[in-house]
């Protein structure tokens, strides 16, 4: 059986961030799945029959993205130096 071992020096700030990225990778993948596969349809349903301008639409889209990230406990600030 093949094995892969990741090792991080948690005293090094860059490696702490790399560790967080590795640990949260499944949550990030699930959030991206939700965004790419389900968000468009749900937003279409919520906008159906409404007269909204482009700024309201952008607020809805990004609001939905932030909601999904929050549901998956993803704080992007933790993963970027």
PDB file of N, CA and C in Angstrom:
ATOM      1  N   UNK A   1       0.835  -1.170   0.000  1.00  0.00           N
ATOM      2  CA  UNK A   1       0.000   0.000   0.000  1.00  0.00           C
ATOM      3  C   UNK A   1       0.887   1.242   0.000  1.00  0.00           C
ATOM      4  N   UNK A   2       0.596   2.143  -0.917  1.00  0.00           N
ATOM      5  CA  UNK A   2       1.346   3.398  -0.980  1.00  0.00           C
ATOM      6  C   UNK A   2       0.841   4.349   0.091  1.00  0.00           C
ATOM      7  N   UNK A   3       1.754   5.098   0.671  1.00  0.00           N
ATOM      8  CA  UNK A   3       1.401   6.068   1.705  1.00  0.00           C
ATOM      9  C   UNK A   3       2.064   7.397   1.385  1.00  0.00           C
ATOM     10  N   UNK A   4       1.408   8.426   1.785  1.00  0.00           N
ATOM     11  CA  UNK A   4       1.971   9.758   1.673  1.00  0.00           C
ATOM     12  C   UNK A   4       1.894  10.431   3.022  1.00  0.00           C
ATOM     13  N   UNK A   5       2.966  11.001   3.453  1.00  0.00           N
ATOM     14  CA  UNK A   5       2.998  11.667   4.749  1.00  0.00           C
ATOM     15  C   UNK A   5       3.379  13.123   4.521  1.00  0.00           C
ATOM     16  N   UNK A   6       2.530  13.998   5.021  1.00  0.00           N
ATOM     17  CA  UNK A   6       2.826  15.423   4.962  1.00  0.00           C
ATOM     18  C   UNK A   6       3.348  15.843   6.324  1.00  0.00           C
ATOM     19  N   UNK A   7       4.398  16.621   6.320  1.00  0.00           N
ATOM     20  CA  UNK A   7       4.976  17.090   7.575  1.00  0.00           C
ATOM     21  C   UNK A   7       5.110  18.600   7.508  1.00  0.00           C
ATOM     22  N   UNK A   8       4.697  19.247   8.590  1.00  0.00           N
ATOM     23  CA  UNK A   8       4.739  20.696   8.648  1.00  0.00           C
ATOM     24  C   UNK A   8       5.465  21.139   9.917  1.00  0.00           C
ATOM     25  N   UNK A   9       6.262  22.170   9.799  1.00  0.00           N
ATOM     26  CA  UNK A   9       6.893  22.793  10.963  1.00  0.00           C
ATOM     27  C   UNK A   9       5.943  23.893  11.424  1.00  0.00           C
ATOM     28  N   UNK A  10       5.163  23.607  12.463  1.00  0.00           N
ATOM     29  CA  UNK A  10       4.144  24.546  12.920  1.00  0.00           C
ATOM     30  C   UNK A  10       4.722  25.719  13.709  1.00  0.00           C
ATOM     31  N   UNK A  11       6.051  25.809  13.762  1.00  0.00           N
ATOM     32  CA  UNK A  11       6.713  26.989  14.315  1.00  0.00           C
ATOM     33  C   UNK A  11       7.032  27.997  13.214  1.00  0.00           C
ATOM     34  N   UNK A  12       6.855  27.576  11.959  1.00  0.00           N
ATOM     35  CA  UNK A  12       7.123  28.420  10.793  1.00  0.00           C
ATOM     36  C   UNK A  12       5.778  28.915  10.252  1.00  0.00           C
ATOM     37  N   UNK A  13       5.583  30.219  10.201  1.00  0.00           N
ATOM     38  CA  UNK A  13       4.296  30.798   9.806  1.00  0.00           C
ATOM     39  C   UNK A  13       3.860  30.353   8.406  1.00  0.00           C
ATOM     40  N   UNK A  14       4.793  30.266   7.463  1.00  0.00           N
ATOM     41  CA  UNK A  14       4.435  29.819   6.113  1.00  0.00           C
ATOM     42  C   UNK A  14       3.931  28.381   6.131  1.00  0.00           C
ATOM     43  N   UNK A  15       4.539  27.556   6.962  1.00  0.00           N
ATOM     44  CA  UNK A  15       4.111  26.163   7.042  1.00  0.00           C
ATOM     45  C   UNK A  15       2.802  26.011   7.816  1.00  0.00           C
ATOM     46  N   UNK A  16       2.535  26.920   8.728  1.00  0.00           N
ATOM     47  CA  UNK A  16       1.239  26.912   9.421  1.00  0.00           C
ATOM     48  C   UNK A  16       0.131  27.138   8.398  1.00  0.00           C
ATOM     49  N   UNK A  17       0.336  28.083   7.496  1.00  0.00           N
ATOM     50  CA  UNK A  17      -0.648  28.361   6.456  1.00  0.00           C
ATOM     51  C   UNK A  17      -0.778  27.164   5.520  1.00  0.00           C
ATOM     52  N   UNK A  18       0.338  26.557   5.143  1.00  0.00           N
ATOM     53  CA  UNK A  18       0.302  25.364   4.284  1.00  0.00           C
ATOM     54  C   UNK A  18      -0.453  24.225   4.980  1.00  0.00           C
ATOM     55  N   UNK A  19      -0.260  24.085   6.270  1.00  0.00           N
ATOM     56  CA  UNK A  19      -0.968  23.069   7.048  1.00  0.00           C
ATOM     57  C   UNK A  19      -2.469  23.321   7.024  1.00  0.00           C
ATOM     58  N   UNK A  20      -2.880  24.573   7.241  1.00  0.00           N
ATOM     59  CA  UNK A  20      -4.306  24.917   7.199  1.00  0.00           C
ATOM     60  C   UNK A  20      -4.899  24.602   5.828  1.00  0.00           C
ATOM     61  N   UNK A  21      -4.145  24.895   4.778  1.00  0.00           N
ATOM     62  CA  UNK A  21      -4.622  24.596   3.428  1.00  0.00           C
ATOM     63  C   UNK A  21      -4.839  23.096   3.251  1.00  0.00           C
ATOM     64  N   UNK A  22      -3.895  22.307   3.738  1.00  0.00           N
ATOM     65  CA  UNK A  22      -4.003  20.850   3.593  1.00  0.00           C
ATOM     66  C   UNK A  22      -5.161  20.297   4.411  1.00  0.00           C
ATOM     67  N   UNK A  23      -5.303  20.777   5.629  1.00  0.00           N
ATOM     68  CA  UNK A  23      -6.340  20.270   6.517  1.00  0.00           C
ATOM     69  C   UNK A  23      -7.738  20.647   6.013  1.00  0.00           C
ATOM     70  N   UNK A  24      -7.881  21.816   5.424  1.00  0.00           N
ATOM     71  CA  UNK A  24      -9.186  22.295   4.975  1.00  0.00           C
ATOM     72  C   UNK A  24      -9.461  21.997   3.505  1.00  0.00           C
ATOM     73  N   UNK A  25      -8.610  21.218   2.844  1.00  0.00           N
ATOM     74  CA  UNK A  25      -8.771  21.008   1.407  1.00  0.00           C
ATOM     75  C   UNK A  25     -10.100  20.347   1.050  1.00  0.00           C
ATOM     76  N   UNK A  26     -10.579  19.396   1.840  1.00  0.00           N
ATOM     77  CA  UNK A  26     -11.860  18.747   1.544  1.00  0.00           C
ATOM     78  C   UNK A  26     -13.005  19.747   1.684  1.00  0.00           C
ATOM     79  N   UNK A  27     -12.965  20.563   2.736  1.00  0.00           N
ATOM     80  CA  UNK A  27     -14.004  21.585   2.922  1.00  0.00           C
ATOM     81  C   UNK A  27     -13.999  22.582   1.767  1.00  0.00           C
ATOM     82  N   UNK A  28     -12.808  22.956   1.320  1.00  0.00           N
ATOM     83  CA  UNK A  28     -12.712  23.879   0.183  1.00  0.00           C
ATOM     84  C   UNK A  28     -13.261  23.232  -1.077  1.00  0.00           C
ATOM     85  N   UNK A  29     -12.946  21.954  -1.285  1.00  0.00           N
ATOM     86  CA  UNK A  29     -13.454  21.242  -2.461  1.00  0.00           C
ATOM     87  C   UNK A  29     -14.976  21.152  -2.428  1.00  0.00           C
ATOM     88  N   UNK A  30     -15.543  20.888  -1.260  1.00  0.00           N
ATOM     89  CA  UNK A  30     -16.999  20.801  -1.146  1.00  0.00           C
ATOM     90  C   UNK A  30     -17.653  22.162  -1.395  1.00  0.00           C
ATOM     91  N   UNK A  31     -17.047  23.222  -0.900  1.00  0.00           N
ATOM     92  CA  UNK A  31     -17.579  24.562  -1.132  1.00  0.00           C
ATOM     93  C   UNK A  31     -17.520  24.899  -2.621  1.00  0.00           C
ATOM     94  N   UNK A  32     -16.411  24.578  -3.269  1.00  0.00           N
ATOM     95  CA  UNK A  32     -16.304  24.834  -4.707  1.00  0.00           C
ATOM     96  C   UNK A  32     -17.313  24.020  -5.496  1.00  0.00           C
ATOM     97  N   UNK A  33     -17.536  22.772  -5.080  1.00  0.00           N
ATOM     98  CA  UNK A  33     -18.549  21.929  -5.731  1.00  0.00           C
ATOM     99  C   UNK A  33     -19.922  22.603  -5.643  1.00  0.00           C
ATOM    100  N   UNK A  34     -20.259  23.052  -4.447  1.00  0.00           N
ATOM    101  CA  UNK A  34     -21.554  23.713  -4.227  1.00  0.00           C
ATOM    102  C   UNK A  34     -21.670  24.967  -5.089  1.00  0.00           C
ATOM    103  N   UNK A  35     -20.614  25.760  -5.124  1.00  0.00           N
ATOM    104  CA  UNK A  35     -20.629  26.999  -5.904  1.00  0.00           C
ATOM    105  C   UNK A  35     -20.782  26.698  -7.392  1.00  0.00           C
ATOM    106  N   UNK A  36     -20.034  25.732  -7.898  1.00  0.00           N
ATOM    107  CA  UNK A  36     -20.029  25.483  -9.343  1.00  0.00           C
ATOM    108  C   UNK A  36     -21.210  24.652  -9.835  1.00  0.00           C
ATOM    109  N   UNK A  37     -21.817  23.857  -8.958  1.00  0.00           N
ATOM    110  CA  UNK A  37     -22.878  22.975  -9.429  1.00  0.00           C
ATOM    111  C   UNK A  37     -24.286  23.354  -8.981  1.00  0.00           C
ATOM    112  N   UNK A  38     -24.428  24.052  -7.889  1.00  0.00           N
ATOM    113  CA  UNK A  38     -25.769  24.314  -7.373  1.00  0.00           C
ATOM    114  C   UNK A  38     -26.144  25.790  -7.271  1.00  0.00           C
ATOM    115  N   UNK A  39     -25.179  26.662  -7.211  1.00  0.00           N
ATOM    116  CA  UNK A  39     -25.468  28.069  -6.959  1.00  0.00           C
ATOM    117  C   UNK A  39     -26.225  28.726  -8.098  1.00  0.00           C
ATOM    118  N   UNK A  40     -25.849  28.463  -9.319  1.00  0.00           N
ATOM    119  CA  UNK A  40     -26.512  29.106 -10.452  1.00  0.00           C
ATOM    120  C   UNK A  40     -28.002  28.809 -10.442  1.00  0.00           C
ATOM    121  N   UNK A  41     -28.368  27.548 -10.292  1.00  0.00           N
ATOM    122  CA  UNK A  41     -29.776  27.167 -10.317  1.00  0.00           C
ATOM    123  C   UNK A  41     -30.529  27.790  -9.145  1.00  0.00           C
ATOM    124  N   UNK A  42     -29.951  27.769  -7.954  1.00  0.00           N
ATOM    125  CA  UNK A  42     -30.656  28.336  -6.799  1.00  0.00           C
ATOM    126  C   UNK A  42     -30.842  29.842  -6.946  1.00  0.00           C
ATOM    127  N   UNK A  43     -29.850  30.518  -7.529  1.00  0.00           N
ATOM    128  CA  UNK A  43     -29.993  31.958  -7.744  1.00  0.00           C
ATOM    129  C   UNK A  43     -31.016  32.252  -8.840  1.00  0.00           C
ATOM    130  N   UNK A  44     -31.064  31.405  -9.869  1.00  0.00           N
ATOM    131  CA  UNK A  44     -32.089  31.584 -10.904  1.00  0.00           C
ATOM    132  C   UNK A  44     -33.476  31.507 -10.287  1.00  0.00           C
ATOM    133  N   UNK A  45     -33.672  30.528  -9.405  1.00  0.00           N
ATOM    134  CA  UNK A  45     -34.981  30.389  -8.760  1.00  0.00           C
ATOM    135  C   UNK A  45     -35.300  31.588  -7.879  1.00  0.00           C
ATOM    136  N   UNK A  46     -34.311  32.080  -7.137  1.00  0.00           N
ATOM    137  CA  UNK A  46     -34.579  33.203  -6.236  1.00  0.00           C
ATOM    138  C   UNK A  46     -34.798  34.513  -6.994  1.00  0.00           C
ATOM    139  N   UNK A  47     -34.275  34.616  -8.211  1.00  0.00           N
ATOM    140  CA  UNK A  47     -34.435  35.842  -9.004  1.00  0.00           C
ATOM    141  C   UNK A  47     -35.630  35.781  -9.950  1.00  0.00           C
ATOM    142  N   UNK A  48     -36.226  34.621 -10.090  1.00  0.00           N
ATOM    143  CA  UNK A  48     -37.324  34.456 -11.045  1.00  0.00           C
ATOM    144  C   UNK A  48     -38.456  35.432 -10.740  1.00  0.00           C
ATOM    145  N   UNK A  49     -38.833  36.189 -11.763  1.00  0.00           N
ATOM    146  CA  UNK A  49     -39.932  37.133 -11.644  1.00  0.00           C
ATOM    147  C   UNK A  49     -39.576  38.436 -10.949  1.00  0.00           C
ATOM    148  N   UNK A  50     -38.334  38.612 -10.559  1.00  0.00           N
ATOM    149  CA  UNK A  50     -37.915  39.842  -9.886  1.00  0.00           C
ATOM    150  C   UNK A  50     -37.210  40.759 -10.872  1.00  0.00           C
ATOM    151  N   UNK A  51     -37.386  42.033 -10.660  1.00  0.00           N
ATOM    152  CA  UNK A  51     -36.702  43.038 -11.471  1.00  0.00           C
ATOM    153  C   UNK A  51     -35.551  43.596 -10.634  1.00  0.00           C
ATOM    154  N   UNK A  52     -34.338  43.081 -10.872  1.00  0.00           N
ATOM    155  CA  UNK A  52     -33.181  43.526 -10.104  1.00  0.00           C
ATOM    156  C   UNK A  52     -32.120  44.066 -11.059  1.00  0.00           C
ATOM    157  N   UNK A  53     -31.384  45.048 -10.580  1.00  0.00           N
ATOM    158  CA  UNK A  53     -30.316  45.586 -11.420  1.00  0.00           C
ATOM    159  C   UNK A  53     -29.032  44.792 -11.219  1.00  0.00           C
ATOM    160  N   UNK A  54     -28.014  45.132 -11.985  1.00  0.00           N
ATOM    161  CA  UNK A  54     -26.773  44.362 -11.954  1.00  0.00           C
ATOM    162  C   UNK A  54     -26.086  44.409 -10.599  1.00  0.00           C
ATOM    163  N   UNK A  55     -26.203  45.515  -9.874  1.00  0.00           N
ATOM    164  CA  UNK A  55     -25.552  45.615  -8.569  1.00  0.00           C
ATOM    165  C   UNK A  55     -26.241  44.730  -7.535  1.00  0.00           C
ATOM    166  N   UNK A  56     -27.567  44.685  -7.588  1.00  0.00           N
ATOM    167  CA  UNK A  56     -28.297  43.784  -6.701  1.00  0.00           C
ATOM    168  C   UNK A  56     -27.969  42.328  -7.021  1.00  0.00           C
ATOM    169  N   UNK A  57     -27.849  42.045  -8.307  1.00  0.00           N
ATOM    170  CA  UNK A  57     -27.505  40.684  -8.726  1.00  0.00           C
ATOM    171  C   UNK A  57     -26.120  40.301  -8.228  1.00  0.00           C
ATOM    172  N   UNK A  58     -25.166  41.194  -8.371  1.00  0.00           N
ATOM    173  CA  UNK A  58     -23.816  40.928  -7.866  1.00  0.00           C
ATOM    174  C   UNK A  58     -23.827  40.707  -6.364  1.00  0.00           C
ATOM    175  N   UNK A  59     -24.587  41.495  -5.631  1.00  0.00           N
ATOM    176  CA  UNK A  59     -24.699  41.322  -4.184  1.00  0.00           C
ATOM    177  C   UNK A  59     -25.276  39.952  -3.848  1.00  0.00           C
ATOM    178  N   UNK A  60     -26.284  39.509  -4.599  1.00  0.00           N
ATOM    179  CA  UNK A  60     -26.873  38.192  -4.371  1.00  0.00           C
ATOM    180  C   UNK A  60     -25.869  37.081  -4.650  1.00  0.00           C
ATOM    181  N   UNK A  61     -25.151  37.194  -5.764  1.00  0.00           N
ATOM    182  CA  UNK A  61     -24.185  36.162  -6.141  1.00  0.00           C
ATOM    183  C   UNK A  61     -23.078  36.061  -5.093  1.00  0.00           C
ATOM    184  N   UNK A  62     -22.474  37.184  -4.762  1.00  0.00           N
ATOM    185  CA  UNK A  62     -21.378  37.140  -3.795  1.00  0.00           C
ATOM    186  C   UNK A  62     -21.878  36.811  -2.392  1.00  0.00           C
ATOM    187  N   UNK A  63     -23.078  37.242  -2.069  1.00  0.00           N
ATOM    188  CA  UNK A  63     -23.667  36.860  -0.786  1.00  0.00           C
ATOM    189  C   UNK A  63     -23.813  35.354  -0.685  1.00  0.00           C
ATOM    190  N   UNK A  64     -24.243  34.728  -1.781  1.00  0.00           N
ATOM    191  CA  UNK A  64     -24.391  33.270  -1.813  1.00  0.00           C
ATOM    192  C   UNK A  64     -23.027  32.587  -1.685  1.00  0.00           C
ATOM    193  N   UNK A  65     -22.026  33.092  -2.372  1.00  0.00           N
ATOM    194  CA  UNK A  65     -20.677  32.518  -2.283  1.00  0.00           C
ATOM    195  C   UNK A  65     -20.167  32.598  -0.842  1.00  0.00           C
ATOM    196  N   UNK A  66     -20.313  33.760  -0.217  1.00  0.00           N
ATOM    197  CA  UNK A  66     -19.851  33.915   1.171  1.00  0.00           C
ATOM    198  C   UNK A  66     -20.629  33.000   2.111  1.00  0.00           C
ATOM    199  N   UNK A  67     -21.918  32.829   1.842  1.00  0.00           N
ATOM    200  CA  UNK A  67     -22.740  31.927   2.655  1.00  0.00           C
ATOM    201  C   UNK A  67     -22.228  30.491   2.559  1.00  0.00           C
ATOM    202  N   UNK A  68     -21.914  30.052   1.347  1.00  0.00           N
ATOM    203  CA  UNK A  68     -21.409  28.690   1.142  1.00  0.00           C
ATOM    204  C   UNK A  68     -20.057  28.517   1.822  1.00  0.00           C
ATOM    205  N   UNK A  69     -19.176  29.483   1.673  1.00  0.00           N
ATOM    206  CA  UNK A  69     -17.874  29.406   2.335  1.00  0.00           C
ATOM    207  C   UNK A  69     -18.047  29.322   3.847  1.00  0.00           C
ATOM    208  N   UNK A  70     -18.969  30.103   4.368  1.00  0.00           N
ATOM    209  CA  UNK A  70     -19.229  30.079   5.807  1.00  0.00           C
ATOM    210  C   UNK A  70     -19.791  28.726   6.250  1.00  0.00           C
ATOM    211  N   UNK A  71     -20.695  28.151   5.455  1.00  0.00           N
ATOM    212  CA  UNK A  71     -21.269  26.838   5.770  1.00  0.00           C
ATOM    213  C   UNK A  71     -20.192  25.755   5.862  1.00  0.00           C
ATOM    214  N   UNK A  72     -19.130  25.922   5.090  1.00  0.00           N
ATOM    215  CA  UNK A  72     -18.038  24.949   5.070  1.00  0.00           C
ATOM    216  C   UNK A  72     -16.856  25.394   5.942  1.00  0.00           C
ATOM    217  N   UNK A  73     -17.082  26.411   6.752  1.00  0.00           N
ATOM    218  CA  UNK A  73     -16.049  26.932   7.667  1.00  0.00           C
ATOM    219  C   UNK A  73     -14.768  27.314   6.940  1.00  0.00           C
ATOM    220  N   UNK A  74     -14.929  27.971   5.816  1.00  0.00           N
ATOM    221  CA  UNK A  74     -13.785  28.421   5.030  1.00  0.00           C
ATOM    222  C   UNK A  74     -13.620  29.925   5.222  1.00  0.00           C
ATOM    223  N   UNK A  75     -12.487  30.307   5.785  1.00  0.00           N
ATOM    224  CA  UNK A  75     -12.124  31.710   5.918  1.00  0.00           C
ATOM    225  C   UNK A  75     -10.882  31.904   5.052  1.00  0.00           C
ATOM    226  N   UNK A  76     -11.073  32.484   3.886  1.00  0.00           N
ATOM    227  CA  UNK A  76      -9.970  32.580   2.918  1.00  0.00           C
ATOM    228  C   UNK A  76      -8.774  33.368   3.454  1.00  0.00           C
ATOM    229  N   UNK A  77      -9.018  34.246   4.416  1.00  0.00           N
ATOM    230  CA  UNK A  77      -7.914  35.020   4.985  1.00  0.00           C
ATOM    231  C   UNK A  77      -6.889  34.122   5.674  1.00  0.00           C
ATOM    232  N   UNK A  78      -7.326  32.955   6.150  1.00  0.00           N
ATOM    233  CA  UNK A  78      -6.405  32.031   6.828  1.00  0.00           C
ATOM    234  C   UNK A  78      -5.419  31.368   5.860  1.00  0.00           C
ATOM    235  N   UNK A  79      -5.742  31.346   4.580  1.00  0.00           N
ATOM    236  CA  UNK A  79      -4.960  30.584   3.613  1.00  0.00           C
ATOM    237  C   UNK A  79      -4.046  31.442   2.738  1.00  0.00           C
ATOM    238  N   UNK A  80      -4.108  32.738   2.926  1.00  0.00           N
ATOM    239  CA  UNK A  80      -3.307  33.651   2.110  1.00  0.00           C
ATOM    240  C   UNK A  80      -2.377  34.432   3.039  1.00  0.00           C
ATOM    241  N   UNK A  81      -1.098  34.549   2.652  1.00  0.00           N
ATOM    242  CA  UNK A  81      -0.154  35.308   3.490  1.00  0.00           C
ATOM    243  C   UNK A  81      -0.378  36.777   3.273  1.00  0.00           C
TER     244      UNK A  81
END
